[in-house]
Amino acid sequence: MEIINEILINDNKIIKSIKEGKHRFYIDEHGHKHSSIINKFIKIKCIECNSYTKIKYYHALNKKKYICGSCRLTGKRNPFYGKTHKKSFKKWLSRKRKGQKVHAGIKTNYEWWLEKHGQEEADRRKELKRVKMSKAFSGENNPFYGKTHKKSTLKIIKEKTAIWREGLNEQEKEKISIALSNSQKKIYQDNPKKYIESKRKAGLISCKSRIRYQMNEIEKIVNNELKNRGLLFKYSVILGFKQFDFGNKKHRILIEVQGDYWHANPKVYKNNQLNEMQKNNIIKDKEKNEFASKHNMKLFYIWEQDIRQGNFKVLDQIKEIICNLN
């Protein structure tokens, strides 16, 4: 069978087609045989502009000469040929492109539908669609199920998210915060038991992971002073869902490096000067102290003010205790 259109498969020109039984095959200029339905790189030439277009199925295109979509809509072939838009539509289109919401008396298809069915029906259909999509891409149906992002990808995501958040104003941040809060409330209302269990698991994983705990400036100073004194302490010790800055398991000693502002140093701040964050941190510090006493551990505090002044009497005291135990 003669080929009417100029067709290329992998940049090889098709010269003829043959039929074998119920199937049709195409022969290229090098004598290679190709099936009529394949997923190879296929291009067909437009008879008017001589440009090539990528196609998938080409066996039906031999019956008539091929014209590309661009040529098919030029001149008299265009269904809008010789016609003009109404002034009201031009005005509406102008305002739409400027970002205005005025429709100049012309209603969109959605507005006609909304007027007929009402907002409640629109919300109901939207919720049904959300549930359907959620089921379709949840669990093993999700194409990313069981996979994790690379560290390089996570780093890029983190950097882009930080840049995006910096560009938000206070109102936008508040709006996002409210939306996240509402979504969490809805999840809890749908299945309280599942929500609590998932939060418990997430908290356990978070506590066991030490990646998010990184030494700050004063913790690095304390770490160096510990090494200078020959004291072997592990950074970021997790005990009973509580994180302690430094710990020595053998001698059951814990160290907390306290920032003056964050933990309300009593030498700097009076009780009537404390804000809510400082009060909450004081409560957490008391819970940590009670936990250490209950489990027969010694908890030592070293304040930022003393670190800045080079006062490490607490570390010398710890060294003396360890020497006596040995």
Protein backbone atom coordinates (compact mmCIF):
# COMPACT_ATOMS: atom_id res chain seq x y z
CA MET A 1 0.00 0.00 0.00
CA GLU A 2 1.35 3.43 -0.97
CA ILE A 3 1.98 5.97 1.83
CA ILE A 4 0.22 9.30 1.16
CA ASN A 5 1.76 11.27 4.05
CA GLU A 6 5.46 11.58 4.86
CA ILE A 7 5.89 9.66 8.15
CA LEU A 8 9.09 9.23 10.14
CA ILE A 9 9.73 6.53 12.74
CA ASN A 10 12.88 7.20 14.75
CA ASP A 11 13.81 9.67 11.96
CA ASN A 12 13.55 6.90 9.33
CA LYS A 13 11.11 7.57 6.47
CA ILE A 14 8.25 5.08 5.90
CA ILE A 15 8.00 4.04 2.25
CA LYS A 16 5.14 1.49 2.23
CA SER A 17 2.71 -0.51 4.35
CA ILE A 18 1.81 -4.21 4.16
CA LYS A 19 -0.99 -6.27 5.67
CA GLU A 20 -0.32 -9.65 7.21
CA GLY A 21 -3.49 -11.33 8.44
CA LYS A 22 -5.39 -8.87 10.63
CA HIS A 23 -2.36 -6.67 11.30
CA ARG A 24 -0.77 -3.90 9.26
CA PHE A 25 2.99 -3.27 9.24
CA TYR A 26 5.06 -0.38 7.92
CA ILE A 27 8.39 -0.67 6.13
CA ASP A 28 10.95 2.13 6.52
CA GLU A 29 13.63 3.14 3.99
CA HIS A 30 16.15 0.74 5.61
CA GLY A 31 13.81 -2.25 5.26
CA HIS A 32 12.82 -2.46 8.94
CA LYS A 33 9.25 -3.54 9.71
CA HIS A 34 7.14 -1.66 12.32
CA SER A 35 3.77 -2.48 13.86
CA SER A 36 0.85 -0.13 13.14
CA ILE A 37 0.36 0.69 16.84
CA ILE A 38 3.60 1.36 18.68
CA ASN A 39 4.97 3.83 21.23
CA LYS A 40 8.04 4.84 19.25
CA PHE A 41 9.07 8.36 18.32
CA ILE A 42 6.77 9.03 15.34
CA LYS A 43 6.49 12.26 13.33
CA ILE A 44 4.25 13.18 10.41
CA LYS A 45 4.77 16.04 7.93
CA CYS A 46 2.15 18.73 7.32
CA ILE A 47 1.49 19.24 3.59
CA GLU A 48 1.07 23.02 4.01
CA CYS A 49 3.73 24.29 6.42
CA ASN A 50 6.11 21.29 5.98
CA SER A 51 6.55 21.05 9.76
CA TYR A 52 6.66 17.71 11.61
CA THR A 53 4.22 16.79 14.40
CA LYS A 54 4.68 14.03 16.99
CA ILE A 55 1.92 11.41 16.86
CA LYS A 56 1.24 8.04 18.48
CA TYR A 57 -1.06 6.19 16.05
CA TYR A 58 -0.50 6.76 12.34
CA HIS A 59 -2.20 3.89 10.51
CA ALA A 60 -5.45 5.87 9.98
CA LEU A 61 -3.72 8.99 8.67
CA ASN A 62 -2.87 7.47 5.27
CA LYS A 63 -6.44 7.83 4.01
CA LYS A 64 -6.11 11.61 3.56
CA LYS A 65 -3.37 14.20 3.45
CA TYR A 66 -2.31 15.40 6.90
CA ILE A 67 -2.70 19.06 7.94
CA CYS A 68 -1.39 20.12 11.35
CA GLY A 69 -3.60 21.76 13.99
CA SER A 70 -2.10 25.20 13.42
CA CYS A 71 -2.82 25.17 9.66
CA ARG A 72 -6.25 23.67 10.27
CA LEU A 73 -7.30 26.78 12.23
CA THR A 74 -5.92 29.47 9.92
CA GLY A 75 -7.88 31.51 7.41
CA LYS A 76 -11.31 30.30 6.32
CA ARG A 77 -10.85 26.99 8.12
CA ASN A 78 -11.11 28.79 11.48
CA PRO A 79 -14.71 28.59 12.81
CA PHE A 80 -14.41 32.22 13.99
CA TYR A 81 -13.30 33.47 10.55
CA GLY A 82 -15.02 36.76 9.64
CA LYS A 83 -16.65 37.15 13.07
CA THR A 84 -15.97 39.59 15.93
CA HIS A 85 -16.53 39.51 19.68
CA LYS A 86 -19.23 41.62 21.32
CA LYS A 87 -18.17 44.79 23.15
CA SER A 88 -19.46 43.37 26.45
CA PHE A 89 -17.28 40.26 26.04
CA LYS A 90 -14.21 42.37 25.18
CA LYS A 91 -14.81 44.46 28.29
CA TRP A 92 -15.19 41.33 30.44
CA LEU A 93 -12.04 39.78 28.94
CA SER A 94 -10.07 42.99 29.56
CA ARG A 95 -11.10 43.12 33.21
CA LYS A 96 -10.42 39.42 33.71
CA ARG A 97 -6.87 39.75 32.38
CA LYS A 98 -6.27 42.70 34.70
CA GLY A 99 -7.21 40.51 37.67
CA GLN A 100 -10.59 42.15 38.30
CA LYS A 101 -13.60 40.07 39.32
CA VAL A 102 -16.21 42.23 37.53
CA HIS A 103 -17.91 40.20 34.79
CA ALA A 104 -19.67 43.10 33.02
CA GLY A 105 -23.00 41.29 33.09
CA ILE A 106 -21.64 38.09 31.51
CA LYS A 107 -21.86 34.97 33.66
CA THR A 108 -19.40 32.12 33.45
CA ASN A 109 -20.54 28.50 33.10
CA TYR A 110 -19.81 27.91 36.77
CA GLU A 111 -21.91 30.94 37.79
CA TRP A 112 -24.86 29.64 35.76
CA TRP A 113 -24.49 26.23 37.39
CA LEU A 114 -24.16 27.74 40.88
CA GLU A 115 -27.28 29.83 40.38
CA LYS A 116 -29.21 26.70 39.38
CA HIS A 117 -27.95 24.23 42.03
CA GLY A 118 -26.89 26.44 44.94
CA GLN A 119 -23.76 26.72 47.11
CA GLU A 120 -24.67 23.73 49.33
CA GLU A 121 -24.70 21.37 46.34
CA ALA A 122 -21.37 22.84 45.18
CA ASP A 123 -19.82 22.25 48.62
CA ARG A 124 -21.25 18.70 48.74
CA ARG A 125 -19.78 17.81 45.34
CA LYS A 126 -16.46 19.39 46.29
CA GLU A 127 -16.31 17.27 49.46
CA LEU A 128 -17.21 14.10 47.53
CA LYS A 129 -14.44 14.82 45.05
CA ARG A 130 -11.97 15.41 47.88
CA VAL A 131 -12.87 12.10 49.56
CA LYS A 132 -12.67 10.25 46.23
CA MET A 133 -9.23 11.69 45.45
CA SER A 134 -8.06 10.97 48.99
CA LYS A 135 -9.05 7.29 48.69
CA ALA A 136 -7.57 7.01 45.20
CA PHE A 137 -4.13 8.21 46.35
CA SER A 138 -3.99 6.90 49.93
CA GLY A 139 -1.93 3.97 51.19
CA GLU A 140 -0.55 1.60 48.56
CA ASN A 141 -2.43 3.46 45.81
CA ASN A 142 -0.12 6.44 46.28
CA PRO A 143 2.71 6.30 43.70
CA PHE A 144 5.12 7.53 46.42
CA TYR A 145 4.04 4.81 48.89
CA GLY A 146 7.03 3.33 50.77
CA LYS A 147 9.46 5.80 49.18
CA THR A 148 11.44 8.69 50.70
CA HIS A 149 13.00 11.83 49.28
CA LYS A 150 16.78 12.08 48.92
CA LYS A 151 18.65 14.30 51.39
CA SER A 152 19.53 16.69 48.55
CA THR A 153 15.84 16.96 47.60
CA LEU A 154 14.81 17.60 51.21
CA LYS A 155 17.44 20.33 51.45
CA ILE A 156 16.08 22.05 48.32
CA ILE A 157 12.49 21.79 49.61
CA LYS A 158 13.56 23.26 52.97
CA GLU A 159 15.37 26.19 51.31
CA LYS A 160 12.47 26.98 48.95
CA THR A 161 9.93 26.75 51.80
CA ALA A 162 12.02 29.18 53.88
CA ILE A 163 12.19 31.66 50.97
CA TRP A 164 8.44 31.31 50.40
CA ARG A 165 7.64 31.93 54.09
CA GLU A 166 9.84 35.02 54.17
CA GLY A 167 7.76 36.54 51.38
CA LEU A 168 4.49 36.13 53.33
CA ASN A 169 3.00 38.97 55.37
CA GLU A 170 1.48 38.52 58.84
CA GLN A 171 -2.08 38.17 57.52
CA GLU A 172 -1.08 35.41 55.09
CA LYS A 173 0.83 33.56 57.82
CA GLU A 174 -2.19 33.82 60.12
CA LYS A 175 -4.47 32.51 57.35
CA ILE A 176 -2.21 29.48 56.75
CA SER A 177 -2.01 28.81 60.50
CA ILE A 178 -5.81 28.84 60.83
CA ALA A 179 -6.22 26.54 57.79
CA LEU A 180 -3.72 24.01 59.22
CA SER A 181 -5.41 24.15 62.62
CA ASN A 182 -8.85 23.56 61.08
CA SER A 183 -7.56 20.62 59.03
CA GLN A 184 -6.13 18.98 62.18
CA LYS A 185 -9.44 19.52 64.02
CA LYS A 186 -11.34 17.91 61.14
CA ILE A 187 -9.04 14.88 61.12
CA TYR A 188 -9.55 14.52 64.88
CA GLN A 189 -13.34 14.77 64.55
CA ASP A 190 -13.43 12.12 61.78
CA ASN A 191 -11.46 9.54 63.78
CA PRO A 192 -10.20 10.61 67.27
CA LYS A 193 -8.55 7.26 68.09
CA LYS A 194 -6.60 7.12 64.84
CA TYR A 195 -5.54 10.77 65.22
CA ILE A 196 -4.23 10.26 68.78
CA GLU A 197 -2.39 7.08 67.78
CA SER A 198 -0.73 8.76 64.78
CA LYS A 199 0.35 11.72 66.96
CA ARG A 200 1.77 9.32 69.55
CA LYS A 201 3.79 7.47 66.90
CA ALA A 202 5.03 10.74 65.38
CA GLY A 203 6.09 11.98 68.82
CA LEU A 204 7.97 8.76 69.51
CA ILE A 205 9.83 8.92 66.18
CA SER A 206 10.61 12.61 66.74
CA CYS A 207 12.02 11.93 70.20
CA LYS A 208 14.16 9.04 69.01
CA SER A 209 15.54 11.10 66.11
CA ARG A 210 18.46 13.34 67.05
CA ILE A 211 18.72 14.96 63.62
CA ARG A 212 16.60 17.95 64.66
CA TYR A 213 18.78 18.65 67.72
CA GLN A 214 21.84 20.63 66.69
CA MET A 215 24.31 22.32 69.02
CA ASN A 216 23.87 26.03 69.44
CA GLU A 217 26.69 28.44 70.27
CA ILE A 218 26.75 28.00 74.06
CA GLU A 219 26.29 24.21 73.81
CA LYS A 220 29.38 24.02 71.58
CA ILE A 221 31.37 25.94 74.23
CA VAL A 222 30.20 23.53 76.96
CA ASN A 223 31.00 20.52 74.74
CA ASN A 224 34.57 21.79 74.24
CA GLU A 225 34.99 22.40 77.98
CA LEU A 226 33.82 18.84 78.71
CA LYS A 227 36.39 17.46 76.27
CA ASN A 228 39.14 19.62 77.80
CA ARG A 229 38.35 18.11 81.21
CA GLY A 230 38.33 14.57 79.78
CA LEU A 231 34.62 14.11 80.52
CA LEU A 232 32.79 11.76 78.12
CA PHE A 233 29.25 13.05 77.65
CA LYS A 234 26.81 12.27 74.84
CA TYR A 235 24.95 15.15 73.23
CA SER A 236 21.11 15.15 73.05
CA VAL A 237 20.03 12.28 75.31
CA ILE A 238 16.36 11.16 75.01
CA LEU A 239 14.84 9.74 78.20
CA GLY A 240 11.12 9.19 78.73
CA PHE A 241 10.15 11.50 75.84
CA LYS A 242 12.36 14.22 77.37
CA GLN A 243 15.48 15.62 75.74
CA PHE A 244 18.53 16.49 77.85
CA ASP A 245 21.47 18.44 76.38
CA PHE A 246 24.30 16.18 77.66
CA GLY A 247 24.31 12.83 79.46
CA ASN A 248 26.68 10.23 80.89
CA LYS A 249 24.95 6.84 81.14
CA LYS A 250 27.69 5.15 83.17
CA HIS A 251 27.63 7.68 86.03
CA ARG A 252 23.93 8.65 85.57
CA ILE A 253 24.68 12.35 85.22
CA LEU A 254 22.71 14.81 83.04
CA ILE A 255 23.56 18.40 82.07
CA GLU A 256 21.16 21.07 80.87
CA VAL A 257 22.60 24.17 79.14
CA GLN A 258 20.13 26.94 79.99
CA GLY A 259 19.73 30.09 77.88
CA ASP A 260 19.14 33.13 80.13
CA TYR A 261 16.10 34.35 78.17
CA TRP A 262 14.52 31.04 77.14
CA HIS A 263 14.68 29.50 80.60
CA ALA A 264 14.35 32.75 82.61
CA ASN A 265 17.61 32.91 84.57
CA PRO A 266 16.54 33.97 88.12
CA LYS A 267 19.64 36.20 88.31
CA VAL A 268 18.41 38.18 85.29
CA TYR A 269 14.58 37.95 85.32
CA LYS A 270 12.13 38.44 88.18
CA ASN A 271 8.93 36.38 88.45
CA ASN A 272 6.69 39.33 87.54
CA GLN A 273 8.69 39.91 84.33
CA LEU A 274 8.16 36.46 82.79
CA ASN A 275 6.16 35.88 79.60
CA GLU A 276 4.08 32.78 78.79
CA MET A 277 6.90 31.05 76.91
CA GLN A 278 9.31 31.46 79.84
CA LYS A 279 6.68 30.20 82.30
CA ASN A 280 6.05 27.10 80.17
CA ASN A 281 9.79 26.38 79.94
CA ILE A 282 10.12 26.66 83.74
CA ILE A 283 7.35 24.05 84.11
CA LYS A 284 9.13 21.74 81.64
CA ASP A 285 12.44 22.20 83.52
CA LYS A 286 10.72 21.19 86.78
CA GLU A 287 9.31 18.06 85.09
CA LYS A 288 12.79 17.15 83.84
CA ASN A 289 14.22 17.64 87.33
CA GLU A 290 11.50 15.42 88.86
CA PHE A 291 12.13 12.77 86.20
CA ALA A 292 15.88 12.74 86.94
CA SER A 293 15.29 12.47 90.72
CA LYS A 294 12.74 9.68 90.25
CA HIS A 295 15.22 7.63 88.19
CA ASN A 296 18.18 8.24 90.52
CA MET A 297 20.01 10.60 88.16
CA LYS A 298 21.89 13.80 88.98
CA LEU A 299 20.84 16.80 86.89
CA PHE A 300 23.15 19.83 86.68
CA TYR A 301 22.33 23.22 85.19
CA ILE A 302 24.83 25.60 83.61
CA TRP A 303 23.54 29.06 82.69
CA GLU A 304 24.39 31.17 79.65
CA GLN A 305 25.57 34.04 81.86
CA ASP A 306 28.20 31.80 83.51
CA ILE A 307 29.28 30.40 80.13
CA ARG A 308 29.80 33.91 78.72
CA GLN A 309 31.86 34.86 81.80
CA GLY A 310 33.95 31.69 81.61
CA ASN A 311 32.57 30.33 84.88
CA PHE A 312 32.55 26.51 84.63
CA LYS A 313 32.41 25.58 88.32
CA VAL A 314 29.55 23.17 87.57
CA LEU A 315 31.75 21.16 85.18
CA ASP A 316 34.59 21.09 87.74
CA GLN A 317 32.08 19.81 90.31
CA ILE A 318 30.93 17.07 87.91
CA LYS A 319 34.54 16.06 87.27
CA GLU A 320 35.19 15.77 91.01
CA ILE A 321 32.08 13.55 91.46
CA ILE A 322 33.17 11.24 88.63
CA CYS A 323 36.75 11.00 89.98
CA ASN A 324 35.38 10.02 93.43
CA LEU A 325 33.12 7.36 91.86
CA ASN A 326 36.05 5.87 89.97
